[in-house]
C-alpha cells in the first residue's frame, strides 16, 4: 500500500511549487491567492494536483490552481453530474 501511495503522488516531484515557500499556497485570505495561482498556471502537473486535493478533501490552501471554495464548487458540480 505504501508503494502505491508513493506512485500515486509521483507527480509532486515535477510540481512547479516544489521547493517554494509553502506559505505562498496558504494565503490568509482567498483574495490573496494570485501569486500561488500564477505558479499553478504554469505547472505541468496542475491537473494531478487538483485531483489529489479533490480526492483528499483538502480544506485549505491553493491546490491545482484552485482555492478551497473553488474546489467545493467543483465537488458539488461533479455530484450533480453523476
Protein backbone atom coordinates (compact mmCIF):
# COMPACT_ATOMS: atom_id res chain seq x y z
CA UNK A 1 0.00 0.00 0.00
CA UNK A 2 2.81 2.39 0.88
CA UNK A 3 4.41 1.98 -2.55
CA UNK A 4 1.07 2.54 -4.29
CA UNK A 5 0.62 5.81 -2.38
CA UNK A 6 4.11 6.87 -3.37
CA UNK A 7 3.41 6.09 -7.02
CA UNK A 8 0.14 8.00 -6.96
CA UNK A 9 1.95 11.07 -5.69
CA UNK A 10 4.95 10.91 -8.01
CA UNK A 11 3.55 13.99 -9.75
CA UNK A 12 4.77 16.02 -6.78
CA UNK A 13 8.35 15.59 -7.97
CA UNK A 14 7.52 17.63 -11.10
CA UNK A 15 5.36 20.28 -9.40
CA UNK A 16 6.19 23.93 -10.05
CA UNK A 17 5.73 24.66 -6.34
CA UNK A 18 8.39 22.17 -5.27
CA UNK A 19 10.97 23.94 -3.13
CA UNK A 20 8.96 27.15 -2.82
CA UNK A 21 7.78 28.61 0.45
CA UNK A 22 4.57 26.72 1.33
CA UNK A 23 3.09 29.90 2.82
CA UNK A 24 2.59 31.16 -0.75
CA UNK A 25 -0.02 28.45 -1.17
CA UNK A 26 -1.77 29.11 2.13
CA UNK A 27 -2.70 32.81 1.92
CA UNK A 28 -4.51 34.48 4.80
CA UNK A 29 -7.46 35.21 2.50
CA UNK A 30 -8.52 33.58 -0.75
CA UNK A 31 -8.38 37.01 -2.35
CA UNK A 32 -4.60 36.91 -1.83
CA UNK A 33 -4.12 33.79 -3.92
CA UNK A 34 -2.93 35.43 -7.16
CA UNK A 35 0.76 34.54 -6.71
CA UNK A 36 0.02 30.89 -5.98
CA UNK A 37 -2.46 30.66 -8.85
CA UNK A 38 0.12 32.16 -11.23
CA UNK A 39 2.62 29.46 -10.25
CA UNK A 40 -0.04 26.77 -10.68
CA UNK A 41 -0.99 28.13 -14.11
CA UNK A 42 2.49 27.19 -15.38
CA UNK A 43 2.66 23.85 -13.57
CA UNK A 44 2.91 20.66 -15.65
CA UNK A 45 1.07 18.60 -13.02
CA UNK A 46 -1.72 21.01 -12.19
CA UNK A 47 -4.49 18.54 -13.03
CA UNK A 48 -2.97 15.75 -10.91
CA UNK A 49 -2.59 18.20 -8.03
CA UNK A 50 -6.21 19.30 -8.32
CA UNK A 51 -7.46 15.72 -8.44
CA UNK A 52 -5.38 14.88 -5.37
CA UNK A 53 -6.90 17.83 -3.49
CA UNK A 54 -10.43 16.89 -4.54
CA UNK A 55 -9.96 13.24 -3.59
CA UNK A 56 -8.25 14.09 -0.30
CA UNK A 57 -10.78 16.80 0.51
CA UNK A 58 -8.09 19.40 1.14
CA UNK A 59 -9.87 22.17 3.04
CA UNK A 60 -7.11 24.75 2.95
CA UNK A 61 -4.63 26.19 0.54
CA UNK A 62 -4.26 26.51 -3.20
CA UNK A 63 -4.15 23.15 -4.97
CA UNK A 64 -4.13 22.74 -8.73
CA UNK A 65 -4.71 26.45 -9.11
CA UNK A 66 -7.93 26.44 -7.07
CA UNK A 67 -8.97 27.81 -3.73
CA UNK A 68 -10.87 25.77 -1.16
CA UNK A 69 -14.11 27.49 -2.22
CA UNK A 70 -13.48 26.66 -5.88
CA UNK A 71 -12.78 23.03 -5.02
CA UNK A 72 -16.03 22.77 -3.08
CA UNK A 73 -17.84 24.11 -6.13
CA UNK A 74 -16.15 21.51 -8.37
CA UNK A 75 -17.18 18.72 -5.99
CA UNK A 76 -20.79 19.94 -5.97
CA UNK A 77 -20.83 20.14 -9.78
CA UNK A 78 -19.43 16.63 -10.09
CA UNK A 79 -22.08 15.28 -7.72
CA UNK A 80 -24.83 16.88 -9.80
CA UNK A 81 -23.38 15.39 -12.99
CA UNK A 82 -23.04 11.89 -11.56
